[in-house]
Amino acid sequence: MKVTGAQALFRSLEGEGVDLAFGIPGGAILPAYDPLIESKVRHVLCRHEQGAGHAAEGYAWATGKVGVAIATSGPGGCNLVTALADAKMDSVPMVAITGQVPTPVVGNDAFQEADITGITMPITKHNFLVKDANELAETIREAFHIARTGRPGPVLVDIPKDVQLQEFTWRWPESVDLPGYRPTTKGNLKQVRSAAKLIMESKRPVLYVGGGVIKADAHEELLKLANDGRLPVTTTLMARGAFPDAHELALGMPGMHGGFTAVTAMQKADLLVALGARFDDRVTGQLSSFAKDAKIVHVDIDPAEIGKNRVADVPIVGDCQDVIAKLHAELRRLQDEAGGVPDRTEWLAQLDEWKRTFPYRYDQPADGPLKPQFCIERLYEHTKGDAIVVAGVGQHQMWASQFWKFNEPRTWVNSGGLGTMGFAVPAALGAKAGRPDRRVIAIDGDGCFQMTSQELATSTAEGIPFVTAIINNAHLGMVRQWQELFYEERYSQVYLSYDVPDYVKLAEAYGCVGLRAEHPDEVDAVIDKALSIEDRSVVIDFRVDSKEMCFPMVPAGASNDDIIVGPEGLQPVNDPEEAPVA
């Protein structure tokens, strides 16, 4: 049967099980949008390609499937760059499909031409330029295979306009054969045994859990390992929900704005078992002083991450689900031989004491001003935690990760590695589109919100409702905090405004419901109202204290031993030249 390249594209997407794609048409991708009319793939028309990219990410985060974004050539593809870089840093499975100018004029600076495969080479797991429609189905199969296997990530497929129009005989490749791509998924049993032995010998072990555990759907295996080994667990910003916060062995989140217990436990540990984590700078702080007395077991599906920042005593390359299951079995065997779990009573008691002594805290005066932590806590209480929470980047992201209790995976969606402002609204759109059965709440900052708020129009037009809680402090809050602490309170270009735009009116202009809370006694009623509305998106303008800072805090480049628990521990840098490097 004869088909065009454009028809083959959507046949291929359907063959890969794609039910949803986010995008915007344009000249070079126009042929592909014609067969879309008959396709089983639902297309969500976004208002900006960056929004389409983040929506594809949010969909992938929430569902575990590959997200799909579609854009035209030139500026369309370039507008996807931020989302692709974000997906690369956070290992999000995503396929971006871009139109390209016709093959005869490629390289001639044609209208809306950009070398998108060249531009995106460093920020994709792989990319393709399809020069012959006969190769299209095979390329799409390979793209999805690469995106979802090994360490997940974004893949771009660039299709010139004439290739989309080319007719050829349809053929669906039944298998994928990529001789140069063979991810190691099965952990080496000898190394696993060495890791189990180290756990048995340790007196102060900590499981250092990263986003790889969620990507591998290894949360059940992790729970068994922690329970049977009596092993305390830290979950990074990317791993919130991989281990239930309600569990007695949960230590919470480590890192720059992590909890005292998690940060200090890792510093004092004699063994760190890193599972799908990459020892990034936000977790380690000053690398030379990070967990100096700890032996390291490092499990990761990407061999490039092992030993990159910290030498591993036991490196294990493999899928977290496979390795953790093997580690659990081997540890059980050693514990049976030894007559039980090693006595770590003193260590666990110390951790419990730190939990009691150094919880996350803030002060909410009854007469105001309204505190951001209070708003997030009330949202949590009203929903009983039953929601997918999507955050932007900045103070509100940290407060959300601190004060929301995550007890299941894929309920926390955020931009970790790249730290992309504007992520929340489109990612929440994607998460809700992928999981229409779940309530989705975007917790955003006023600075972040203004970068991608136009996707509220998409929400209304496409019938994809979610709640956006704007933590509106009228500033670029995290930048303001750093200027206060490290730049002698010389506030440079961080003031936005409480009133411009009027977020309630803006929400209403987009067909959403706009609500506002300015005082503590207004918060509960506003949240109740927001959660009662299910047929439209809701935007809540929480006008919070602009001076509130995010603690605990480990200044960038400082040792985790120097964690600042609260404002009373501040020792501001007086000389701007001594300010830490971001």
Protein backbone atom coordinates (compact mmCIF):
# COMPACT_ATOMS: atom_id res chain seq x y z
CA MET A 1 0.00 0.00 0.00
CA LYS A 2 1.30 3.43 -0.97
CA VAL A 3 1.47 6.11 1.73
CA THR A 4 3.13 9.49 2.10
CA GLY A 5 5.85 10.18 4.62
CA ALA A 6 3.34 12.22 6.63
CA GLN A 7 0.90 9.32 6.75
CA ALA A 8 3.71 6.98 7.69
CA LEU A 9 4.67 9.27 10.57
CA PHE A 10 1.32 8.92 12.30
CA ARG A 11 1.03 5.23 11.47
CA SER A 12 4.40 4.83 13.18
CA LEU A 13 3.32 6.84 16.22
CA GLU A 14 0.21 4.71 16.51
CA GLY A 15 2.39 1.61 16.18
CA GLU A 16 4.42 2.84 19.16
CA GLY A 17 1.26 3.19 21.23
CA VAL A 18 1.24 6.98 21.22
CA ASP A 19 -2.16 8.31 22.29
CA LEU A 20 -1.25 11.96 22.80
CA ALA A 21 1.06 14.53 21.22
CA PHE A 22 1.65 18.20 21.95
CA GLY A 23 2.57 20.66 19.25
CA ILE A 24 2.05 23.60 16.92
CA PRO A 25 1.85 23.38 13.12
CA GLY A 26 3.86 25.49 10.71
CA GLY A 27 4.98 25.50 7.10
CA ALA A 28 7.63 22.77 7.17
CA ILE A 29 5.57 20.35 9.26
CA LEU A 30 2.27 21.18 7.51
CA PRO A 31 2.04 17.97 5.44
CA ALA A 32 2.11 15.96 8.70
CA TYR A 33 -0.87 17.81 10.10
CA ASP A 34 -3.18 16.72 7.29
CA PRO A 35 -3.26 12.95 8.07
CA LEU A 36 -3.47 13.88 11.75
CA ILE A 37 -7.18 14.53 11.13
CA GLU A 38 -7.77 10.78 10.61
CA SER A 39 -5.21 9.64 13.18
CA LYS A 40 -6.03 7.97 16.51
CA VAL A 41 -3.39 10.21 18.11
CA ARG A 42 -4.92 13.08 20.05
CA HIS A 43 -3.09 16.33 19.33
CA VAL A 44 -3.05 19.10 21.92
CA LEU A 45 -2.52 22.49 20.29
CA CYS A 46 -0.19 24.39 22.59
CA ARG A 47 0.48 28.13 22.47
CA HIS A 48 4.27 27.91 22.38
CA GLU A 49 6.66 25.15 21.36
CA GLN A 50 8.46 25.36 24.70
CA GLY A 51 5.08 24.73 26.30
CA ALA A 52 4.56 21.74 24.02
CA GLY A 53 7.95 20.36 25.02
CA HIS A 54 7.33 20.77 28.76
CA ALA A 55 3.83 19.30 28.35
CA ALA A 56 5.41 16.23 26.72
CA GLU A 57 7.77 16.06 29.70
CA GLY A 58 4.93 16.33 32.22
CA TYR A 59 3.07 13.58 30.38
CA ALA A 60 6.16 11.35 30.50
CA TRP A 61 6.80 12.09 34.19
CA ALA A 62 3.25 11.27 35.23
CA THR A 63 2.65 8.21 33.03
CA GLY A 64 6.07 6.64 32.53
CA LYS A 65 5.42 6.66 28.77
CA VAL A 66 7.34 8.52 26.07
CA GLY A 67 6.14 12.10 25.64
CA VAL A 68 5.78 13.48 22.10
CA ALA A 69 6.20 17.08 20.95
CA ILE A 70 5.79 18.32 17.37
CA ALA A 71 7.10 21.58 15.90
CA THR A 72 7.89 23.19 12.60
CA SER A 73 11.34 24.14 11.33
CA GLY A 74 13.53 27.06 12.37
CA PRO A 75 12.04 28.93 15.32
CA GLY A 76 9.63 26.07 16.03
CA GLY A 77 12.40 23.58 16.61
CA CYS A 78 14.54 26.19 18.38
CA ASN A 79 11.70 26.86 20.82
CA LEU A 80 11.87 23.18 21.79
CA VAL A 81 15.51 23.48 22.81
CA THR A 82 14.86 24.37 26.46
CA ALA A 83 12.49 21.44 26.93
CA LEU A 84 14.92 19.05 25.24
CA ALA A 85 17.79 20.19 27.44
CA ASP A 86 15.54 19.85 30.46
CA ALA A 87 14.55 16.31 29.47
CA LYS A 88 18.19 15.38 28.87
CA MET A 89 19.27 16.54 32.32
CA ASP A 90 16.37 14.81 34.08
CA SER A 91 16.34 11.60 31.99
CA VAL A 92 12.80 12.12 30.68
CA PRO A 93 11.77 9.86 27.77
CA MET A 94 10.63 12.15 24.96
CA VAL A 95 10.51 12.17 21.17
CA ALA A 96 10.47 15.54 19.41
CA ILE A 97 9.36 15.58 15.78
CA THR A 98 10.33 18.65 13.77
CA GLY A 99 9.61 19.67 10.22
CA GLN A 100 12.55 20.78 8.10
CA VAL A 101 12.79 22.82 4.90
CA PRO A 102 12.78 20.73 1.68
CA THR A 103 15.92 18.69 1.07
CA PRO A 104 17.06 20.66 -2.03
CA VAL A 105 17.34 23.90 -0.03
CA VAL A 106 18.81 22.52 3.20
CA GLY A 107 21.96 24.51 3.94
CA ASN A 108 20.90 27.49 1.80
CA ASP A 109 19.52 29.62 4.64
CA ALA A 110 16.00 28.99 3.40
CA PHE A 111 13.00 30.58 5.10
CA GLN A 112 12.62 29.21 8.64
CA GLU A 113 15.66 27.00 8.29
CA ALA A 114 17.77 26.02 11.26
CA ASP A 115 20.17 23.11 11.67
CA ILE A 116 18.09 21.63 14.46
CA THR A 117 19.95 18.32 14.55
CA GLY A 118 23.20 20.24 14.98
CA ILE A 119 21.69 22.59 17.56
CA THR A 120 20.25 19.77 19.63
CA MET A 121 23.10 17.27 19.37
CA PRO A 122 24.48 18.09 22.86
CA ILE A 123 21.04 18.11 24.50
CA THR A 124 19.45 14.97 23.08
CA LYS A 125 20.23 11.35 23.69
CA HIS A 126 20.26 10.97 19.91
CA ASN A 127 18.77 12.67 16.89
CA PHE A 128 17.91 11.82 13.30
CA LEU A 129 17.58 13.65 9.99
CA VAL A 130 15.31 11.57 7.76
CA LYS A 131 16.30 11.90 4.10
CA ASP A 132 14.12 9.16 2.62
CA ALA A 133 10.51 8.34 3.53
CA ASN A 134 11.32 4.63 3.19
CA GLU A 135 13.39 5.03 6.39
CA LEU A 136 10.74 6.88 8.35
CA ALA A 137 8.97 4.03 10.14
CA GLU A 138 12.27 2.43 11.10
CA THR A 139 13.60 5.76 12.36
CA ILE A 140 10.53 6.37 14.54
CA ARG A 141 10.85 2.87 16.00
CA GLU A 142 14.52 3.49 16.77
CA ALA A 143 13.77 6.91 18.26
CA PHE A 144 11.22 5.51 20.71
CA HIS A 145 13.46 2.57 21.56
CA ILE A 146 16.36 4.87 22.38
CA ALA A 147 14.16 7.32 24.31
CA ARG A 148 12.64 4.72 26.63
CA THR A 149 15.50 2.22 27.15
CA GLY A 150 18.74 2.45 29.10
CA ARG A 151 18.93 5.87 30.70
CA PRO A 152 15.80 7.50 29.28
CA GLY A 153 16.10 10.78 27.44
CA PRO A 154 14.94 12.95 24.55
CA VAL A 155 15.36 11.98 20.90
CA LEU A 156 14.70 14.34 17.99
CA VAL A 157 13.53 13.30 14.52
CA ASP A 158 13.86 15.99 11.84
CA ILE A 159 11.81 15.40 8.68
CA PRO A 160 12.19 17.63 5.59
CA LYS A 161 8.96 18.75 3.95
CA ASP A 162 9.58 16.86 0.71
CA VAL A 163 10.17 13.64 2.68
CA GLN A 164 6.78 14.11 4.34
CA LEU A 165 5.21 14.34 0.86
CA GLN A 166 7.19 11.45 -0.66
CA GLU A 167 5.12 8.36 -1.54
CA PHE A 168 6.43 4.88 -0.81
CA THR A 169 5.25 1.38 -0.04
CA TRP A 170 4.36 1.10 3.66
CA ARG A 171 6.26 -1.40 5.76
CA TRP A 172 6.26 -1.67 9.55
CA PRO A 173 9.55 -2.95 10.98
CA GLU A 174 8.73 -5.63 13.55
CA SER A 175 11.95 -5.20 15.50
CA VAL A 176 14.67 -2.69 16.24
CA ASP A 177 18.28 -3.57 15.55
CA LEU A 178 20.85 -1.07 16.79
CA PRO A 179 24.19 -2.91 17.06
CA GLY A 180 25.93 0.11 18.60
CA TYR A 181 23.31 0.59 21.29
CA ARG A 182 23.23 -2.11 23.95
CA PRO A 183 22.42 -0.67 27.39
CA THR A 184 23.50 -2.84 30.29
CA THR A 185 20.37 -3.56 32.31
CA LYS A 186 21.37 -6.60 34.38
CA GLY A 187 23.58 -5.87 37.37
CA ASN A 188 26.75 -7.93 37.82
CA LEU A 189 26.03 -10.50 40.54
CA LYS A 190 29.60 -10.45 41.85
CA GLN A 191 29.38 -6.68 42.38
CA VAL A 192 25.97 -7.04 43.97
CA ARG A 193 27.42 -9.52 46.47
CA SER A 194 30.22 -7.09 47.28
CA ALA A 195 27.63 -4.37 47.89
CA ALA A 196 25.57 -6.60 50.17
CA LYS A 197 28.71 -7.46 52.14
CA LEU A 198 29.47 -3.76 52.65
CA ILE A 199 25.92 -3.20 53.90
CA MET A 200 26.31 -6.00 56.42
CA GLU A 201 29.60 -4.52 57.65
CA SER A 202 28.35 -0.94 57.93
CA LYS A 203 27.24 0.69 61.15
CA ARG A 204 25.83 3.92 59.61
CA PRO A 205 24.43 3.03 56.18
CA VAL A 206 22.21 5.32 54.12
CA LEU A 207 20.36 4.56 50.89
CA TYR A 208 20.88 7.61 48.67
CA VAL A 209 17.96 7.34 46.23
CA GLY A 210 17.79 9.33 43.00
CA GLY A 211 15.36 9.73 40.14
CA GLY A 212 16.62 6.58 38.45
CA VAL A 213 14.59 4.51 40.91
CA ILE A 214 11.38 6.13 39.68
CA LYS A 215 12.43 5.87 36.04
CA ALA A 216 13.03 2.14 36.57
CA ASP A 217 9.74 1.64 38.47
CA ALA A 218 11.81 0.18 41.27
CA HIS A 219 9.92 1.67 44.24
CA GLU A 220 8.52 -1.67 45.41
CA GLU A 221 11.96 -3.28 45.32
CA LEU A 222 13.38 -0.30 47.21
CA LEU A 223 10.74 -0.61 49.94
CA LYS A 224 11.55 -4.30 50.44
CA LEU A 225 15.29 -3.59 50.58
CA ALA A 226 14.91 -0.80 53.14
CA ASN A 227 12.43 -2.73 55.28
CA ASP A 228 14.31 -6.01 55.42
CA GLY A 229 17.72 -4.39 55.77
CA ARG A 230 16.53 -1.70 58.21
CA LEU A 231 18.22 0.85 55.99
CA PRO A 232 17.39 4.57 56.28
CA VAL A 233 16.53 6.29 52.99
CA THR A 234 17.10 9.76 51.57
CA THR A 235 15.19 10.73 48.43
CA THR A 236 16.61 13.48 46.26
CA LEU A 237 14.57 16.22 44.63
CA MET A 238 14.20 13.96 41.59
CA ALA A 239 13.19 10.96 43.70
CA ARG A 240 10.45 12.37 45.90
CA GLY A 241 7.81 9.65 46.18
CA ALA A 242 10.18 6.80 45.37
CA PHE A 243 10.07 5.94 49.09
CA PRO A 244 7.11 6.96 51.25
CA ASP A 245 7.74 10.02 53.42
CA ALA A 246 5.44 8.47 56.03
CA HIS A 247 7.82 5.52 56.52
CA GLU A 248 9.83 5.39 59.75
CA LEU A 249 13.05 4.89 57.75
CA ALA A 250 12.45 7.91 55.52
CA LEU A 251 14.92 10.71 56.16
CA GLY A 252 13.53 13.09 53.56
CA MET A 253 15.35 15.11 50.96
CA PRO A 254 19.08 15.90 50.97
CA GLY A 255 20.66 18.78 49.11
CA MET A 256 21.04 22.55 49.15
CA HIS A 257 17.57 23.05 50.64
CA GLY A 258 17.14 19.56 52.02
CA GLY A 259 16.37 18.64 55.59
CA PHE A 260 19.00 18.65 58.30
CA THR A 261 18.52 14.94 58.97
CA ALA A 262 18.99 13.84 55.36
CA VAL A 263 21.97 16.14 54.76
CA THR A 264 23.72 15.25 58.01
CA ALA A 265 22.97 11.52 57.77
CA MET A 266 24.78 11.39 54.44
CA GLN A 267 27.69 13.39 55.87
CA LYS A 268 28.05 11.06 58.85
CA ALA A 269 27.37 7.79 57.04
CA ASP A 270 30.02 5.10 56.75
CA LEU A 271 28.28 3.67 53.67
CA LEU A 272 26.26 5.37 50.94
CA VAL A 273 24.34 3.12 48.59
CA ALA A 274 23.55 5.41 45.67
CA LEU A 275 20.63 4.08 43.63
CA GLY A 276 19.95 5.93 40.38
CA ALA A 277 21.57 9.10 41.71
CA ARG A 278 24.42 11.05 40.19
CA PHE A 279 26.21 12.85 43.05
CA ASP A 280 25.31 16.24 41.60
CA ASP A 281 26.60 19.44 43.16
CA ARG A 282 23.28 20.38 44.77
CA VAL A 283 23.42 17.20 46.84
CA THR A 284 27.12 16.95 47.58
CA GLY A 285 27.86 20.60 48.30
CA GLN A 286 31.64 20.97 48.47
CA LEU A 287 32.67 17.68 46.94
CA SER A 288 35.95 17.33 48.84
CA SER A 289 34.11 17.37 52.18
CA PHE A 290 31.10 15.28 51.16
CA ALA A 291 30.60 12.09 53.20
CA LYS A 292 34.33 11.78 53.77
CA ASP A 293 34.10 8.60 55.87
CA ALA A 294 31.66 6.77 53.63
CA LYS A 295 32.33 3.89 51.32
CA ILE A 296 30.35 4.17 48.12
CA VAL A 297 28.16 1.67 46.30
CA HIS A 298 26.97 3.32 43.11
CA VAL A 299 24.18 1.76 41.03
CA ASP A 300 23.29 3.46 37.74
CA ILE A 301 22.19 2.40 34.29
CA ASP A 302 24.49 5.03 32.78
CA PRO A 303 28.13 3.97 33.22
CA ALA A 304 29.23 7.56 32.53
CA GLU A 305 27.73 8.66 35.86
CA ILE A 306 29.66 6.14 37.94
CA GLY A 307 32.88 7.67 39.18
CA LYS A 308 32.16 11.01 37.49
CA ASN A 309 32.05 12.99 40.72
CA ARG A 310 32.87 10.43 43.42
CA VAL A 311 34.87 7.24 43.06
CA ALA A 312 32.78 4.18 43.83
CA ASP A 313 34.10 1.34 45.96
CA VAL A 314 31.54 -0.93 44.33
CA PRO A 315 30.29 0.24 40.92
CA ILE A 316 27.25 -1.55 39.53
CA VAL A 317 25.96 -0.75 36.05
CA GLY A 318 22.38 -1.81 35.54
CA ASP A 319 18.69 -1.07 35.79
CA CYS A 320 17.72 -0.12 39.35
CA GLN A 321 14.81 -2.55 39.45
CA ASP A 322 17.04 -5.49 38.55
CA VAL A 323 19.95 -4.47 40.78
CA ILE A 324 17.85 -3.61 43.85
CA ALA A 325 15.96 -6.92 43.57
CA LYS A 326 19.27 -8.81 43.41
CA LEU A 327 20.73 -6.74 46.25
CA HIS A 328 17.68 -7.45 48.39
CA ALA A 329 17.92 -11.19 47.77
CA GLU A 330 21.64 -11.27 48.52
CA LEU A 331 21.24 -9.17 51.66
CA ARG A 332 18.49 -11.46 52.92
CA ARG A 333 20.77 -14.43 52.37
CA LEU A 334 23.64 -12.81 54.32
CA GLN A 335 21.29 -11.73 57.12
CA ASP A 336 19.92 -15.27 57.41
CA GLU A 337 23.47 -16.60 57.67
CA ALA A 338 24.35 -13.99 60.29
CA GLY A 339 21.20 -14.57 62.29
CA GLY A 340 19.53 -11.25 61.58
CA VAL A 341 20.04 -7.61 60.74
CA PRO A 342 23.22 -5.99 62.12
CA ASP A 343 22.60 -3.97 65.27
CA ARG A 344 22.29 -0.32 64.21
CA THR A 345 20.17 0.80 67.15
CA GLU A 346 22.46 3.71 67.99
CA TRP A 347 22.48 5.01 64.38
CA LEU A 348 18.72 4.80 63.93
CA ALA A 349 18.19 6.45 67.32
CA GLN A 350 20.48 9.31 66.31
CA LEU A 351 18.55 9.79 63.07
CA ASP A 352 15.24 9.84 64.96
CA GLU A 353 16.63 12.44 67.35
CA TRP A 354 17.67 14.67 64.44
CA LYS A 355 14.20 14.30 62.92
CA ARG A 356 12.60 15.48 66.18
CA THR A 357 15.10 18.27 66.78
CA PHE A 358 15.42 19.71 63.27
CA PRO A 359 12.13 19.50 61.40
CA TYR A 360 11.25 21.90 58.61
CA ARG A 361 9.77 24.92 60.33
CA TYR A 362 8.34 28.36 59.78
CA ASP A 363 6.29 30.89 61.72
CA GLN A 364 2.82 31.91 60.51
CA PRO A 365 1.52 34.86 62.55
CA ALA A 366 -2.27 34.88 62.84
CA ASP A 367 -2.41 38.47 61.56
CA GLY A 368 -0.02 37.86 58.65
CA PRO A 369 1.91 38.29 56.51
CA LEU A 370 0.97 35.14 54.62
CA LYS A 371 3.76 32.56 54.54
CA PRO A 372 4.35 30.38 51.47
CA GLN A 373 4.96 27.26 53.58
CA PHE A 374 1.56 27.68 55.19
CA CYS A 375 -0.19 27.83 51.80
CA ILE A 376 1.51 24.63 50.66
CA GLU A 377 0.77 22.82 53.92
CA ARG A 378 -2.89 23.78 53.69
CA LEU A 379 -3.05 22.58 50.08
CA TYR A 380 -1.60 19.28 51.25
CA GLU A 381 -4.09 18.96 54.11
CA HIS A 382 -7.09 19.78 51.94
CA THR A 383 -6.08 17.23 49.29
CA LYS A 384 -4.79 14.73 51.86
CA GLY A 385 -1.79 14.50 49.57
CA ASP A 386 -3.89 12.89 46.82
CA ALA A 387 -2.59 14.85 43.84
CA ILE A 388 0.17 15.02 41.28
CA VAL A 389 2.22 18.07 42.24
CA VAL A 390 4.12 19.96 39.56
CA ALA A 391 6.57 22.69 40.50
CA GLY A 392 8.44 25.41 38.71
CA VAL A 393 11.94 26.39 39.84
CA GLY A 394 12.98 28.49 42.79
CA GLN A 395 11.91 28.98 46.39
CA HIS A 396 8.40 27.64 45.79
CA GLN A 397 9.86 24.44 44.33
CA MET A 398 11.92 23.88 47.45
CA TRP A 399 9.04 24.65 49.80
CA ALA A 400 6.80 22.28 47.85
CA SER A 401 9.39 19.49 48.05
CA GLN A 402 9.75 20.14 51.80
CA PHE A 403 6.18 20.57 52.99
CA TRP A 404 4.30 18.19 50.72
CA LYS A 405 4.53 14.57 51.83
CA PHE A 406 5.07 12.22 48.92
CA ASN A 407 4.13 8.59 49.45
CA GLU A 408 3.95 7.22 45.92
CA PRO A 409 6.02 7.64 42.77
CA ARG A 410 5.13 9.83 39.80
CA THR A 411 3.25 12.29 41.99
CA TRP A 412 6.06 14.87 41.98
CA VAL A 413 7.04 16.54 38.71
CA ASN A 414 9.69 19.24 38.50
CA SER A 415 12.73 20.52 36.66
CA GLY A 416 15.78 19.40 38.61
CA GLY A 417 19.00 19.35 36.64
CA LEU A 418 18.42 22.27 34.28
CA GLY A 419 16.29 24.28 36.70
CA THR A 420 13.88 25.60 34.07
CA MET A 421 11.66 28.47 35.07
CA GLY A 422 8.30 28.24 33.29
CA PHE A 423 8.19 24.47 33.59
CA ALA A 424 5.17 24.09 35.87
CA VAL A 425 2.11 25.25 33.91
CA PRO A 426 2.77 23.32 30.67
CA ALA A 427 4.10 20.28 32.57
CA ALA A 428 0.94 20.26 34.69
CA LEU A 429 -1.07 20.39 31.46
CA GLY A 430 0.83 17.33 30.18
CA ALA A 431 0.52 15.47 33.48
CA LYS A 432 -3.25 16.03 33.58
CA ALA A 433 -3.64 15.05 29.93
CA GLY A 434 -1.78 11.82 30.65
CA ARG A 435 -3.51 11.14 33.97
CA PRO A 436 -7.02 12.61 33.68
CA ASP A 437 -8.09 10.48 36.67
CA ARG A 438 -5.76 12.37 39.05
CA ARG A 439 -5.98 15.85 40.49
CA VAL A 440 -3.01 17.92 39.30
CA ILE A 441 -1.73 20.94 41.19
CA ALA A 442 0.96 23.23 39.82
CA ILE A 443 2.82 25.09 42.55
CA ASP A 444 4.49 27.96 40.78
CA GLY A 445 6.27 31.23 41.46
CA ASP A 446 5.09 34.52 40.05
CA GLY A 447 8.29 34.83 38.01
CA CYS A 448 7.98 31.30 36.63
CA PHE A 449 4.27 31.60 35.94
CA GLN A 450 4.69 34.62 33.70
CA MET A 451 7.03 32.70 31.40
CA THR A 452 4.50 30.11 30.24
CA SER A 453 1.09 31.20 31.53
CA GLN A 454 -0.25 31.19 27.95
CA GLU A 455 -0.70 27.43 28.22
CA LEU A 456 -3.74 28.15 30.40
CA ALA A 457 -5.41 28.96 27.07
CA THR A 458 -4.53 25.44 25.95
CA SER A 459 -5.99 24.07 29.17
CA THR A 460 -9.30 25.81 28.53
CA ALA A 461 -9.51 25.08 24.81
CA GLU A 462 -8.60 21.41 25.22
CA GLY A 463 -10.59 20.75 28.40
CA ILE A 464 -7.59 19.80 30.54
CA PRO A 465 -8.25 21.38 33.96
CA PHE A 466 -5.74 21.72 36.78
CA VAL A 467 -5.06 24.03 39.70
CA THR A 468 -2.18 26.50 39.69
CA ALA A 469 -1.15 27.89 43.06
CA ILE A 470 1.03 30.95 42.50
CA ILE A 471 3.34 31.64 45.44
CA ASN A 472 3.36 35.34 44.64
CA ASN A 473 6.09 37.19 46.53
CA ALA A 474 6.41 39.90 43.88
CA HIS A 475 10.05 38.98 43.35
CA LEU A 476 12.39 36.56 41.71
CA GLY A 477 12.51 35.04 45.15
CA MET A 478 15.57 32.80 45.10
CA VAL A 479 17.68 35.46 43.40
CA ARG A 480 16.47 37.98 45.98
CA GLN A 481 17.44 35.58 48.78
CA TRP A 482 20.96 35.25 47.43
CA GLN A 483 21.30 39.01 47.02
CA GLU A 484 20.20 39.49 50.60
CA LEU A 485 22.61 36.89 51.97
CA PHE A 486 25.65 37.27 49.74
CA TYR A 487 25.46 40.67 48.06
CA GLU A 488 24.90 43.01 51.03
CA GLU A 489 21.16 43.33 50.30
CA ARG A 490 21.91 45.05 46.99
CA TYR A 491 18.75 44.02 45.19
CA SER A 492 19.31 44.16 41.47
CA GLN A 493 16.49 43.47 39.00
CA VAL A 494 14.47 41.12 41.17
CA TYR A 495 11.32 43.12 41.93
CA LEU A 496 8.31 42.10 39.87
CA SER A 497 4.97 43.27 41.29
CA TYR A 498 2.05 41.93 43.26
CA ASP A 499 -0.34 43.69 40.93
CA VAL A 500 1.13 43.50 37.42
CA PRO A 501 -0.32 41.40 36.01
CA ASP A 502 -3.53 40.96 37.98
CA TYR A 503 -3.44 37.16 38.18
CA VAL A 504 -7.14 36.83 38.89
CA LYS A 505 -8.09 38.84 35.81
CA LEU A 506 -5.44 37.06 33.74
CA ALA A 507 -6.89 33.70 34.74
CA GLU A 508 -10.38 34.85 33.83
CA ALA A 509 -9.15 36.14 30.47
CA TYR A 510 -7.88 32.63 29.74
CA GLY A 511 -11.26 31.11 30.62
CA CYS A 512 -10.10 29.91 34.03
CA VAL A 513 -11.28 30.75 37.53
CA GLY A 514 -9.11 33.27 39.36
CA LEU A 515 -8.92 33.37 43.16
CA ARG A 516 -6.80 35.30 45.64
CA ALA A 517 -5.70 34.96 49.25
CA GLU A 518 -3.76 37.69 51.05
CA HIS A 519 -4.26 36.76 54.72
CA PRO A 520 -3.93 33.46 56.60
CA ASP A 521 -7.66 33.33 57.44
CA GLU A 522 -8.54 33.43 53.72
CA VAL A 523 -6.43 30.45 52.68
CA ASP A 524 -8.71 27.53 53.61
CA ALA A 525 -11.80 28.99 51.95
CA VAL A 526 -9.91 29.78 48.76
CA ILE A 527 -8.44 26.27 48.59
CA ASP A 528 -11.87 24.70 49.20
CA LYS A 529 -13.30 26.79 46.37
CA ALA A 530 -10.44 25.87 44.01
CA LEU A 531 -10.74 22.14 44.69
CA SER A 532 -14.52 22.21 44.17
CA ILE A 533 -14.10 23.32 40.54
CA GLU A 534 -13.42 20.45 38.17
CA ASP A 535 -14.54 21.66 34.76
CA ARG A 536 -12.02 24.49 34.38
CA SER A 537 -8.51 25.33 35.45
CA VAL A 538 -8.14 27.45 38.55
CA VAL A 539 -5.43 29.96 39.38
CA ILE A 540 -4.86 30.95 43.02
CA ASP A 541 -2.88 34.10 43.72
CA PHE A 542 -1.32 33.55 47.15
CA ARG A 543 0.19 36.92 48.04
CA VAL A 544 2.96 35.89 50.39
CA ASP A 545 5.69 37.55 52.41
CA SER A 546 8.36 38.79 50.01
CA LYS A 547 11.03 38.59 52.71
CA GLU A 548 10.55 34.92 53.56
CA MET A 549 13.66 32.88 52.82
CA CYS A 550 14.06 29.18 52.15
CA PHE A 551 15.81 27.14 54.84
CA PRO A 552 17.63 24.89 55.57
CA MET A 553 20.30 26.03 53.19
CA VAL A 554 23.77 24.93 52.19
CA PRO A 555 25.35 27.82 50.26
CA ALA A 556 26.64 26.74 46.86
CA GLY A 557 30.21 25.55 47.13
CA ALA A 558 30.04 25.25 50.91
CA SER A 559 30.34 22.03 52.86
CA ASN A 560 27.20 20.18 53.88
CA ASP A 561 28.67 20.31 57.39
CA ASP A 562 27.91 24.04 57.32
CA ILE A 563 24.18 23.66 56.73
CA ILE A 564 22.21 26.71 57.87
CA VAL A 565 19.10 25.43 59.63
CA GLY A 566 17.32 28.78 59.86
CA PRO A 567 17.80 32.55 59.77
CA GLU A 568 19.29 32.49 63.25
CA GLY A 569 22.31 30.64 61.83
CA LEU A 570 23.06 33.16 59.12
CA GLN A 571 26.50 34.64 58.75
CA PRO A 572 26.11 36.86 55.68
CA VAL A 573 29.04 37.38 53.37
CA ASN A 574 29.98 41.04 53.49
CA ASP A 575 32.30 41.02 50.53
CA PRO A 576 30.49 40.27 47.24
CA GLU A 577 33.70 38.75 45.92
CA GLU A 578 33.33 36.02 48.54
CA ALA A 579 29.84 35.11 47.45
CA PRO A 580 29.44 31.45 46.56
CA VAL A 581 29.36 30.38 42.96
CA ALA A 582 25.89 29.33 41.81
